[in-house]
Amino acid sequence: MTKASWTPGPWSYHIADNAPVPHIAIEDEATNRLADVYYGAKGRQASATAEANARVMVAAPDLVEALWSLLRWSQAVLPLLNEIEGPSFKAARAALAKAEGRAP
């Protein structure tokens, strides 16, 4: 695993419906703002989609660590994995490479 270049988790979010431009704020553990997911005044459906997007973003550090943990475990348990790696493992490695900036 490469050293994370992103802000370590845990992350959280809160809805800022009363802000001048309604949005969802994503923050780190020290409440530093990491990102905003804007949905403006487009109604509850846009808000629900923005909240779903925020949940995925907030889970990102945990998902990356879980994938790395799974891959490390599988290589320890299945030594032939490097030779018979299936599509699920290839997809996990590709997702990690993308998250770490090693792939488009």
PDB file of N, CA and C in Angstrom:
ATOM      1  N   MET A   1       0.841  -1.176   0.000  1.00  0.00           N
ATOM      2  CA  MET A   1       0.000   0.000   0.000  1.00  0.00           C
ATOM      3  C   MET A   1       0.884   1.236   0.000  1.00  0.00           C
ATOM      4  N   THR A   2       0.543   2.184  -0.812  1.00  0.00           N
ATOM      5  CA  THR A   2       1.281   3.428  -0.823  1.00  0.00           C
ATOM      6  C   THR A   2       0.793   4.311   0.306  1.00  0.00           C
ATOM      7  N   LYS A   3       1.656   5.228   0.721  1.00  0.00           N
ATOM      8  CA  LYS A   3       1.249   6.152   1.776  1.00  0.00           C
ATOM      9  C   LYS A   3       0.113   7.021   1.261  1.00  0.00           C
ATOM     10  N   ALA A   4      -0.931   7.120   2.061  1.00  0.00           N
ATOM     11  CA  ALA A   4      -2.103   7.896   1.662  1.00  0.00           C
ATOM     12  C   ALA A   4      -1.733   9.360   1.494  1.00  0.00           C
ATOM     13  N   SER A   5      -2.170   9.929   0.385  1.00  0.00           N
ATOM     14  CA  SER A   5      -1.927  11.349   0.170  1.00  0.00           C
ATOM     15  C   SER A   5      -3.186  12.147   0.462  1.00  0.00           C
ATOM     16  N   TRP A   6      -4.240  11.457   0.876  1.00  0.00           N
ATOM     17  CA  TRP A   6      -5.485  12.134   1.223  1.00  0.00           C
ATOM     18  C   TRP A   6      -5.561  12.308   2.729  1.00  0.00           C
ATOM     19  N   THR A   7      -6.528  13.069   3.166  1.00  0.00           N
ATOM     20  CA  THR A   7      -6.752  13.287   4.590  1.00  0.00           C
ATOM     21  C   THR A   7      -7.231  11.982   5.204  1.00  0.00           C
ATOM     22  N   PRO A   8      -6.582  11.537   6.284  1.00  0.00           N
ATOM     23  CA  PRO A   8      -7.013  10.285   6.888  1.00  0.00           C
ATOM     24  C   PRO A   8      -8.431  10.393   7.456  1.00  0.00           C
ATOM     25  N   GLY A   9      -9.112   9.259   7.504  1.00  0.00           N
ATOM     26  CA  GLY A   9     -10.456   9.218   8.087  1.00  0.00           C
ATOM     27  C   GLY A   9     -10.375   9.219   9.596  1.00  0.00           C
ATOM     28  N   PRO A  10     -11.460   9.250  10.263  1.00  0.00           N
ATOM     29  CA  PRO A  10     -12.800   9.212   9.706  1.00  0.00           C
ATOM     30  C   PRO A  10     -13.252  10.575   9.190  1.00  0.00           C
ATOM     31  N   TRP A  11     -14.108  10.531   8.179  1.00  0.00           N
ATOM     32  CA  TRP A  11     -14.744  11.731   7.658  1.00  0.00           C
ATOM     33  C   TRP A  11     -16.214  11.708   8.052  1.00  0.00           C
ATOM     34  N   SER A  12     -16.830  12.861   8.025  1.00  0.00           N
ATOM     35  CA  SER A  12     -18.263  12.949   8.303  1.00  0.00           C
ATOM     36  C   SER A  12     -18.864  14.023   7.405  1.00  0.00           C
ATOM     37  N   TYR A  13     -20.176  14.137   7.433  1.00  0.00           N
ATOM     38  CA  TYR A  13     -20.822  15.195   6.653  1.00  0.00           C
ATOM     39  C   TYR A  13     -21.988  15.771   7.430  1.00  0.00           C
ATOM     40  N   HIS A  14     -22.348  16.975   7.070  1.00  0.00           N
ATOM     41  CA  HIS A  14     -23.566  17.573   7.619  1.00  0.00           C
ATOM     42  C   HIS A  14     -24.254  18.382   6.526  1.00  0.00           C
ATOM     43  N   ILE A  15     -25.557  18.429   6.629  1.00  0.00           N
ATOM     44  CA  ILE A  15     -26.366  19.132   5.639  1.00  0.00           C
ATOM     45  C   ILE A  15     -26.489  20.599   6.038  1.00  0.00           C
ATOM     46  N   ALA A  16     -26.207  21.478   5.086  1.00  0.00           N
ATOM     47  CA  ALA A  16     -26.287  22.925   5.319  1.00  0.00           C
ATOM     48  C   ALA A  16     -27.423  23.493   4.471  1.00  0.00           C
ATOM     49  N   ASP A  17     -28.649  23.090   4.803  1.00  0.00           N
ATOM     50  CA  ASP A  17     -29.822  23.552   4.052  1.00  0.00           C
ATOM     51  C   ASP A  17     -30.050  25.050   4.162  1.00  0.00           C
ATOM     52  N   ASN A  18     -29.614  25.643   5.263  1.00  0.00           N
ATOM     53  CA  ASN A  18     -29.874  27.066   5.482  1.00  0.00           C
ATOM     54  C   ASN A  18     -28.748  27.972   4.986  1.00  0.00           C
ATOM     55  N   ALA A  19     -27.766  27.392   4.340  1.00  0.00           N
ATOM     56  CA  ALA A  19     -26.672  28.195   3.776  1.00  0.00           C
ATOM     57  C   ALA A  19     -27.191  28.964   2.569  1.00  0.00           C
ATOM     58  N   PRO A  20     -26.505  30.051   2.173  1.00  0.00           N
ATOM     59  CA  PRO A  20     -26.943  30.800   0.993  1.00  0.00           C
ATOM     60  C   PRO A  20     -27.115  29.913  -0.236  1.00  0.00           C
ATOM     61  N   VAL A  21     -26.232  28.938  -0.403  1.00  0.00           N
ATOM     62  CA  VAL A  21     -26.384  27.914  -1.447  1.00  0.00           C
ATOM     63  C   VAL A  21     -26.418  26.578  -0.711  1.00  0.00           C
ATOM     64  N   PRO A  22     -27.596  25.935  -0.627  1.00  0.00           N
ATOM     65  CA  PRO A  22     -27.687  24.678   0.123  1.00  0.00           C
ATOM     66  C   PRO A  22     -26.674  23.652  -0.383  1.00  0.00           C
ATOM     67  N   HIS A  23     -26.043  22.985   0.569  1.00  0.00           N
ATOM     68  CA  HIS A  23     -25.016  22.006   0.223  1.00  0.00           C
ATOM     69  C   HIS A  23     -24.819  21.041   1.385  1.00  0.00           C
ATOM     70  N   ILE A  24     -23.977  20.058   1.155  1.00  0.00           N
ATOM     71  CA  ILE A  24     -23.555  19.130   2.196  1.00  0.00           C
ATOM     72  C   ILE A  24     -22.055  19.316   2.369  1.00  0.00           C
ATOM     73  N   ALA A  25     -21.628  19.556   3.602  1.00  0.00           N
ATOM     74  CA  ALA A  25     -20.219  19.772   3.902  1.00  0.00           C
ATOM     75  C   ALA A  25     -19.593  18.471   4.378  1.00  0.00           C
ATOM     76  N   ILE A  26     -18.459  18.123   3.799  1.00  0.00           N
ATOM     77  CA  ILE A  26     -17.705  16.929   4.205  1.00  0.00           C
ATOM     78  C   ILE A  26     -16.494  17.412   4.979  1.00  0.00           C
ATOM     79  N   GLU A  27     -16.293  16.818   6.164  1.00  0.00           N
ATOM     80  CA  GLU A  27     -15.237  17.284   7.066  1.00  0.00           C
ATOM     81  C   GLU A  27     -14.430  16.117   7.609  1.00  0.00           C
ATOM     82  N   ASP A  28     -13.201  16.436   8.051  1.00  0.00           N
ATOM     83  CA  ASP A  28     -12.398  15.412   8.706  1.00  0.00           C
ATOM     84  C   ASP A  28     -12.721  15.408  10.198  1.00  0.00           C
ATOM     85  N   GLU A  29     -11.990  14.604  10.930  1.00  0.00           N
ATOM     86  CA  GLU A  29     -12.255  14.441  12.357  1.00  0.00           C
ATOM     87  C   GLU A  29     -12.115  15.743  13.136  1.00  0.00           C
ATOM     88  N   ALA A  30     -11.239  16.637  12.665  1.00  0.00           N
ATOM     89  CA  ALA A  30     -11.017  17.922  13.337  1.00  0.00           C
ATOM     90  C   ALA A  30     -11.944  19.006  12.789  1.00  0.00           C
ATOM     91  N   THR A  31     -12.959  18.615  12.053  1.00  0.00           N
ATOM     92  CA  THR A  31     -13.938  19.497  11.407  1.00  0.00           C
ATOM     93  C   THR A  31     -13.320  20.460  10.393  1.00  0.00           C
ATOM     94  N   ASN A  32     -12.217  20.067   9.782  1.00  0.00           N
ATOM     95  CA  ASN A  32     -11.671  20.817   8.652  1.00  0.00           C
ATOM     96  C   ASN A  32     -12.496  20.463   7.428  1.00  0.00           C
ATOM     97  N   ARG A  33     -12.914  21.455   6.680  1.00  0.00           N
ATOM     98  CA  ARG A  33     -13.732  21.236   5.491  1.00  0.00           C
ATOM     99  C   ARG A  33     -12.888  20.587   4.415  1.00  0.00           C
ATOM    100  N   LEU A  34     -13.356  19.465   3.895  1.00  0.00           N
ATOM    101  CA  LEU A  34     -12.672  18.752   2.826  1.00  0.00           C
ATOM    102  C   LEU A  34     -13.328  19.003   1.478  1.00  0.00           C
ATOM    103  N   ALA A  35     -14.654  19.061   1.471  1.00  0.00           N
ATOM    104  CA  ALA A  35     -15.378  19.242   0.216  1.00  0.00           C
ATOM    105  C   ALA A  35     -16.807  19.662   0.516  1.00  0.00           C
ATOM    106  N   ASP A  36     -17.443  20.188  -0.510  1.00  0.00           N
ATOM    107  CA  ASP A  36     -18.858  20.515  -0.441  1.00  0.00           C
ATOM    108  C   ASP A  36     -19.559  19.856  -1.612  1.00  0.00           C
ATOM    109  N   VAL A  37     -20.731  19.327  -1.352  1.00  0.00           N
ATOM    110  CA  VAL A  37     -21.569  18.744  -2.394  1.00  0.00           C
ATOM    111  C   VAL A  37     -22.771  19.668  -2.511  1.00  0.00           C
ATOM    112  N   TYR A  38     -22.827  20.396  -3.607  1.00  0.00           N
ATOM    113  CA  TYR A  38     -23.891  21.379  -3.783  1.00  0.00           C
ATOM    114  C   TYR A  38     -25.095  20.772  -4.489  1.00  0.00           C
ATOM    115  N   TYR A  39     -26.259  21.138  -4.012  1.00  0.00           N
ATOM    116  CA  TYR A  39     -27.488  20.725  -4.680  1.00  0.00           C
ATOM    117  C   TYR A  39     -28.436  21.888  -4.845  1.00  0.00           C
ATOM    118  N   GLY A  40     -28.054  23.052  -4.335  1.00  0.00           N
ATOM    119  CA  GLY A  40     -28.833  24.263  -4.540  1.00  0.00           C
ATOM    120  C   GLY A  40     -30.270  24.122  -4.099  1.00  0.00           C
ATOM    121  N   ALA A  41     -31.135  24.834  -4.739  1.00  0.00           N
ATOM    122  CA  ALA A  41     -32.545  24.853  -4.357  1.00  0.00           C
ATOM    123  C   ALA A  41     -33.357  23.954  -5.271  1.00  0.00           C
ATOM    124  N   LYS A  42     -32.790  22.834  -5.707  1.00  0.00           N
ATOM    125  CA  LYS A  42     -33.465  21.961  -6.674  1.00  0.00           C
ATOM    126  C   LYS A  42     -34.402  20.966  -6.016  1.00  0.00           C
ATOM    127  N   GLY A  43     -34.609  21.065  -4.728  1.00  0.00           N
ATOM    128  CA  GLY A  43     -35.582  20.215  -4.079  1.00  0.00           C
ATOM    129  C   GLY A  43     -35.003  18.997  -3.406  1.00  0.00           C
ATOM    130  N   ARG A  44     -35.879  18.238  -2.747  1.00  0.00           N
ATOM    131  CA  ARG A  44     -35.473  17.097  -1.929  1.00  0.00           C
ATOM    132  C   ARG A  44     -34.816  15.987  -2.745  1.00  0.00           C
ATOM    133  N   GLN A  45     -35.241  15.763  -3.983  1.00  0.00           N
ATOM    134  CA  GLN A  45     -34.628  14.706  -4.790  1.00  0.00           C
ATOM    135  C   GLN A  45     -33.149  15.003  -5.029  1.00  0.00           C
ATOM    136  N   ALA A  46     -32.832  16.241  -5.386  1.00  0.00           N
ATOM    137  CA  ALA A  46     -31.432  16.619  -5.573  1.00  0.00           C
ATOM    138  C   ALA A  46     -30.678  16.504  -4.256  1.00  0.00           C
ATOM    139  N   SER A  47     -31.331  16.869  -3.172  1.00  0.00           N
ATOM    140  CA  SER A  47     -30.722  16.775  -1.859  1.00  0.00           C
ATOM    141  C   SER A  47     -30.421  15.318  -1.504  1.00  0.00           C
ATOM    142  N   ALA A  48     -31.349  14.411  -1.804  1.00  0.00           N
ATOM    143  CA  ALA A  48     -31.144  12.991  -1.514  1.00  0.00           C
ATOM    144  C   ALA A  48     -29.983  12.428  -2.321  1.00  0.00           C
ATOM    145  N   THR A  49     -29.870  12.816  -3.575  1.00  0.00           N
ATOM    146  CA  THR A  49     -28.747  12.371  -4.408  1.00  0.00           C
ATOM    147  C   THR A  49     -27.438  12.933  -3.863  1.00  0.00           C
ATOM    148  N   ALA A  50     -27.432  14.203  -3.491  1.00  0.00           N
ATOM    149  CA  ALA A  50     -26.230  14.818  -2.922  1.00  0.00           C
ATOM    150  C   ALA A  50     -25.834  14.117  -1.632  1.00  0.00           C
ATOM    151  N   GLU A  51     -26.805  13.767  -0.814  1.00  0.00           N
ATOM    152  CA  GLU A  51     -26.494  13.073   0.437  1.00  0.00           C
ATOM    153  C   GLU A  51     -25.929  11.681   0.162  1.00  0.00           C
ATOM    154  N   ALA A  52     -26.473  10.975  -0.824  1.00  0.00           N
ATOM    155  CA  ALA A  52     -25.926   9.670  -1.195  1.00  0.00           C
ATOM    156  C   ALA A  52     -24.480   9.813  -1.681  1.00  0.00           C
ATOM    157  N   ASN A  53     -24.209  10.850  -2.471  1.00  0.00           N
ATOM    158  CA  ASN A  53     -22.838  11.112  -2.933  1.00  0.00           C
ATOM    159  C   ASN A  53     -21.926  11.409  -1.750  1.00  0.00           C
ATOM    160  N   ALA A  54     -22.413  12.177  -0.799  1.00  0.00           N
ATOM    161  CA  ALA A  54     -21.618  12.514   0.384  1.00  0.00           C
ATOM    162  C   ALA A  54     -21.291  11.262   1.192  1.00  0.00           C
ATOM    163  N   ARG A  55     -22.246  10.352   1.320  1.00  0.00           N
ATOM    164  CA  ARG A  55     -21.991   9.111   2.065  1.00  0.00           C
ATOM    165  C   ARG A  55     -20.869   8.300   1.409  1.00  0.00           C
ATOM    166  N   VAL A  56     -20.867   8.240   0.078  1.00  0.00           N
ATOM    167  CA  VAL A  56     -19.803   7.512  -0.626  1.00  0.00           C
ATOM    168  C   VAL A  56     -18.453   8.190  -0.372  1.00  0.00           C
ATOM    169  N   MET A  57     -18.422   9.508  -0.449  1.00  0.00           N
ATOM    170  CA  MET A  57     -17.170  10.235  -0.211  1.00  0.00           C
ATOM    171  C   MET A  57     -16.663  10.027   1.215  1.00  0.00           C
ATOM    172  N   VAL A  58     -17.565  10.093   2.174  1.00  0.00           N
ATOM    173  CA  VAL A  58     -17.189   9.923   3.574  1.00  0.00           C
ATOM    174  C   VAL A  58     -16.640   8.518   3.822  1.00  0.00           C
ATOM    175  N   ALA A  59     -17.147   7.530   3.109  1.00  0.00           N
ATOM    176  CA  ALA A  59     -16.699   6.143   3.269  1.00  0.00           C
ATOM    177  C   ALA A  59     -15.378   5.858   2.559  1.00  0.00           C
ATOM    178  N   ALA A  60     -14.935   6.748   1.683  1.00  0.00           N
ATOM    179  CA  ALA A  60     -13.761   6.485   0.848  1.00  0.00           C
ATOM    180  C   ALA A  60     -12.524   6.042   1.629  1.00  0.00           C
ATOM    181  N   PRO A  61     -12.085   6.744   2.679  1.00  0.00           N
ATOM    182  CA  PRO A  61     -10.879   6.271   3.383  1.00  0.00           C
ATOM    183  C   PRO A  61     -11.045   4.859   3.943  1.00  0.00           C
ATOM    184  N   ASP A  62     -12.236   4.554   4.465  1.00  0.00           N
ATOM    185  CA  ASP A  62     -12.490   3.223   5.006  1.00  0.00           C
ATOM    186  C   ASP A  62     -12.518   2.175   3.898  1.00  0.00           C
ATOM    187  N   LEU A  63     -13.100   2.515   2.757  1.00  0.00           N
ATOM    188  CA  LEU A  63     -13.155   1.575   1.633  1.00  0.00           C
ATOM    189  C   LEU A  63     -11.761   1.247   1.121  1.00  0.00           C
ATOM    190  N   VAL A  64     -10.909   2.248   1.009  1.00  0.00           N
ATOM    191  CA  VAL A  64      -9.538   2.021   0.538  1.00  0.00           C
ATOM    192  C   VAL A  64      -8.798   1.099   1.507  1.00  0.00           C
ATOM    193  N   GLU A  65      -8.897   1.389   2.794  1.00  0.00           N
ATOM    194  CA  GLU A  65      -8.210   0.551   3.778  1.00  0.00           C
ATOM    195  C   GLU A  65      -8.774  -0.862   3.788  1.00  0.00           C
ATOM    196  N   ALA A  66     -10.085  -1.002   3.650  1.00  0.00           N
ATOM    197  CA  ALA A  66     -10.697  -2.334   3.627  1.00  0.00           C
ATOM    198  C   ALA A  66     -10.230  -3.135   2.410  1.00  0.00           C
ATOM    199  N   LEU A  67     -10.137  -2.481   1.256  1.00  0.00           N
ATOM    200  CA  LEU A  67      -9.647  -3.182   0.059  1.00  0.00           C
ATOM    201  C   LEU A  67      -8.203  -3.629   0.232  1.00  0.00           C
ATOM    202  N   TRP A  68      -7.357  -2.739   0.762  1.00  0.00           N
ATOM    203  CA  TRP A  68      -5.965  -3.120   0.982  1.00  0.00           C
ATOM    204  C   TRP A  68      -5.872  -4.271   1.975  1.00  0.00           C
ATOM    205  N   SER A  69      -6.666  -4.220   3.030  1.00  0.00           N
ATOM    206  CA  SER A  69      -6.661  -5.277   4.030  1.00  0.00           C
ATOM    207  C   SER A  69      -7.084  -6.608   3.415  1.00  0.00           C
ATOM    208  N   LEU A  70      -8.125  -6.582   2.619  1.00  0.00           N
ATOM    209  CA  LEU A  70      -8.605  -7.799   1.951  1.00  0.00           C
ATOM    210  C   LEU A  70      -7.544  -8.363   1.003  1.00  0.00           C
ATOM    211  N   LEU A  71      -6.907  -7.487   0.231  1.00  0.00           N
ATOM    212  CA  LEU A  71      -5.887  -7.966  -0.697  1.00  0.00           C
ATOM    213  C   LEU A  71      -4.682  -8.540   0.047  1.00  0.00           C
ATOM    214  N   ARG A  72      -4.251  -7.882   1.140  1.00  0.00           N
ATOM    215  CA  ARG A  72      -3.127  -8.415   1.926  1.00  0.00           C
ATOM    216  C   ARG A  72      -3.483  -9.775   2.509  1.00  0.00           C
ATOM    217  N   TRP A  73      -4.686  -9.895   3.063  1.00  0.00           N
ATOM    218  CA  TRP A  73      -5.126 -11.155   3.655  1.00  0.00           C
ATOM    219  C   TRP A  73      -5.181 -12.248   2.595  1.00  0.00           C
ATOM    220  N   SER A  74      -5.768 -11.944   1.463  1.00  0.00           N
ATOM    221  CA  SER A  74      -5.923 -12.963   0.422  1.00  0.00           C
ATOM    222  C   SER A  74      -4.573 -13.431  -0.098  1.00  0.00           C
ATOM    223  N   GLN A  75      -3.610 -12.536  -0.180  1.00  0.00           N
ATOM    224  CA  GLN A  75      -2.284 -12.957  -0.644  1.00  0.00           C
ATOM    225  C   GLN A  75      -1.593 -13.844   0.387  1.00  0.00           C
ATOM    226  N   ALA A  76      -1.851 -13.589   1.664  1.00  0.00           N
ATOM    227  CA  ALA A  76      -1.258 -14.430   2.711  1.00  0.00           C
ATOM    228  C   ALA A  76      -1.917 -15.799   2.737  1.00  0.00           C
ATOM    229  N   VAL A  77      -3.226 -15.839   2.520  1.00  0.00           N
ATOM    230  CA  VAL A  77      -3.973 -17.086   2.596  1.00  0.00           C
ATOM    231  C   VAL A  77      -3.901 -17.868   1.283  1.00  0.00           C
ATOM    232  N   LEU A  78      -3.875 -17.158   0.184  1.00  0.00           N
ATOM    233  CA  LEU A  78      -3.868 -17.799  -1.132  1.00  0.00           C
ATOM    234  C   LEU A  78      -2.582 -17.431  -1.875  1.00  0.00           C
ATOM    235  N   PRO A  79      -1.487 -18.111  -1.592  1.00  0.00           N
ATOM    236  CA  PRO A  79      -0.212 -17.732  -2.192  1.00  0.00           C
ATOM    237  C   PRO A  79      -0.188 -17.758  -3.714  1.00  0.00           C
ATOM    238  N   LEU A  80      -1.071 -18.527  -4.335  1.00  0.00           N
ATOM    239  CA  LEU A  80      -1.086 -18.589  -5.795  1.00  0.00           C
ATOM    240  C   LEU A  80      -1.899 -17.445  -6.411  1.00  0.00           C
ATOM    241  N   LEU A  81      -2.427 -16.566  -5.582  1.00  0.00           N
ATOM    242  CA  LEU A  81      -3.305 -15.512  -6.069  1.00  0.00           C
ATOM    243  C   LEU A  81      -2.652 -14.677  -7.174  1.00  0.00           C
ATOM    244  N   ASN A  82      -1.372 -14.411  -7.045  1.00  0.00           N
ATOM    245  CA  ASN A  82      -0.705 -13.594  -8.063  1.00  0.00           C
ATOM    246  C   ASN A  82      -0.765 -14.249  -9.439  1.00  0.00           C
ATOM    247  N   GLU A  83      -0.839 -15.578  -9.472  1.00  0.00           N
ATOM    248  CA  GLU A  83      -0.876 -16.275 -10.747  1.00  0.00           C
ATOM    249  C   GLU A  83      -2.303 -16.510 -11.245  1.00  0.00           C
ATOM    250  N   ILE A  84      -3.264 -16.613 -10.345  1.00  0.00           N
ATOM    251  CA  ILE A  84      -4.632 -16.935 -10.744  1.00  0.00           C
ATOM    252  C   ILE A  84      -5.613 -15.833 -10.341  1.00  0.00           C
ATOM    253  N   GLU A  85      -5.146 -14.627 -10.312  1.00  0.00           N
ATOM    254  CA  GLU A  85      -5.976 -13.500  -9.870  1.00  0.00           C
ATOM    255  C   GLU A  85      -7.200 -13.346 -10.762  1.00  0.00           C
ATOM    256  N   GLY A  86      -8.364 -13.346 -10.158  1.00  0.00           N
ATOM    257  CA  GLY A  86      -9.617 -13.238 -10.897  1.00  0.00           C
ATOM    258  C   GLY A  86     -10.040 -11.789 -11.109  1.00  0.00           C
ATOM    259  N   PRO A  87     -11.157 -11.591 -11.799  1.00  0.00           N
ATOM    260  CA  PRO A  87     -11.621 -10.245 -12.131  1.00  0.00           C
ATOM    261  C   PRO A  87     -11.947  -9.389 -10.906  1.00  0.00           C
ATOM    262  N   SER A  88     -12.403 -10.000  -9.821  1.00  0.00           N
ATOM    263  CA  SER A  88     -12.717  -9.211  -8.623  1.00  0.00           C
ATOM    264  C   SER A  88     -11.462  -8.583  -8.042  1.00  0.00           C
ATOM    265  N   PHE A  89     -10.387  -9.358  -7.991  1.00  0.00           N
ATOM    266  CA  PHE A  89      -9.141  -8.829  -7.452  1.00  0.00           C
ATOM    267  C   PHE A  89      -8.543  -7.781  -8.388  1.00  0.00           C
ATOM    268  N   LYS A  90      -8.657  -8.014  -9.678  1.00  0.00           N
ATOM    269  CA  LYS A  90      -8.172  -7.020 -10.642  1.00  0.00           C
ATOM    270  C   LYS A  90      -8.952  -5.718 -10.501  1.00  0.00           C
ATOM    271  N   ALA A  91     -10.263  -5.814 -10.291  1.00  0.00           N
ATOM    272  CA  ALA A  91     -11.092  -4.618 -10.112  1.00  0.00           C
ATOM    273  C   ALA A  91     -10.710  -3.890  -8.825  1.00  0.00           C
ATOM    274  N   ALA A  92     -10.431  -4.636  -7.764  1.00  0.00           N
ATOM    275  CA  ALA A  92     -10.030  -4.021  -6.502  1.00  0.00           C
ATOM    276  C   ALA A  92      -8.703  -3.289  -6.664  1.00  0.00           C
ATOM    277  N   ARG A  93      -7.746  -3.936  -7.328  1.00  0.00           N
ATOM    278  CA  ARG A  93      -6.445  -3.284  -7.554  1.00  0.00           C
ATOM    279  C   ARG A  93      -6.588  -2.041  -8.441  1.00  0.00           C
ATOM    280  N   ALA A  94      -7.435  -2.111  -9.449  1.00  0.00           N
ATOM    281  CA  ALA A  94      -7.648  -0.962 -10.338  1.00  0.00           C
ATOM    282  C   ALA A  94      -8.297   0.195  -9.570  1.00  0.00           C
ATOM    283  N   ALA A  95      -9.262  -0.115  -8.706  1.00  0.00           N
ATOM    284  CA  ALA A  95      -9.912   0.933  -7.916  1.00  0.00           C
ATOM    285  C   ALA A  95      -8.915   1.588  -6.961  1.00  0.00           C
ATOM    286  N   LEU A  96      -8.062   0.791  -6.353  1.00  0.00           N
ATOM    287  CA  LEU A  96      -7.052   1.349  -5.454  1.00  0.00           C
ATOM    288  C   LEU A  96      -6.052   2.212  -6.220  1.00  0.00           C
ATOM    289  N   ALA A  97      -5.634   1.753  -7.384  1.00  0.00           N
ATOM    290  CA  ALA A  97      -4.707   2.541  -8.203  1.00  0.00           C
ATOM    291  C   ALA A  97      -5.332   3.881  -8.574  1.00  0.00           C
ATOM    292  N   LYS A  98      -6.607   3.865  -8.893  1.00  0.00           N
ATOM    293  CA  LYS A  98      -7.310   5.111  -9.234  1.00  0.00           C
ATOM    294  C   LYS A  98      -7.373   6.036  -8.027  1.00  0.00           C
ATOM    295  N   ALA A  99      -7.708   5.481  -6.864  1.00  0.00           N
ATOM    296  CA  ALA A  99      -7.800   6.287  -5.641  1.00  0.00           C
ATOM    297  C   ALA A  99      -6.458   6.886  -5.249  1.00  0.00           C
ATOM    298  N   GLU A 100      -5.387   6.170  -5.563  1.00  0.00           N
ATOM    299  CA  GLU A 100      -4.049   6.632  -5.190  1.00  0.00           C
ATOM    300  C   GLU A 100      -3.346   7.411  -6.291  1.00  0.00           C
ATOM    301  N   GLY A 101      -4.049   7.671  -7.384  1.00  0.00           N
ATOM    302  CA  GLY A 101      -3.459   8.473  -8.450  1.00  0.00           C
ATOM    303  C   GLY A 101      -2.476   7.721  -9.322  1.00  0.00           C
ATOM    304  N   ARG A 102      -2.518   6.404  -9.302  1.00  0.00           N
ATOM    305  CA  ARG A 102      -1.611   5.604 -10.136  1.00  0.00           C
ATOM    306  C   ARG A 102      -2.266   5.175 -11.424  1.00  0.00           C
ATOM    307  N   ALA A 103      -3.524   5.549 -11.644  1.00  0.00           N
ATOM    308  CA  ALA A 103      -4.250   5.191 -12.866  1.00  0.00           C
ATOM    309  C   ALA A 103      -5.311   6.259 -13.125  1.00  0.00           C
ATOM    310  N   PRO A 104      -5.711   6.397 -14.380  1.00  0.00           N
ATOM    311  CA  PRO A 104      -6.751   7.407 -14.681  1.00  0.00           C
ATOM    312  C   PRO A 104      -8.102   7.056 -14.084  1.00  0.00           C
TER     313      PRO A 104
END
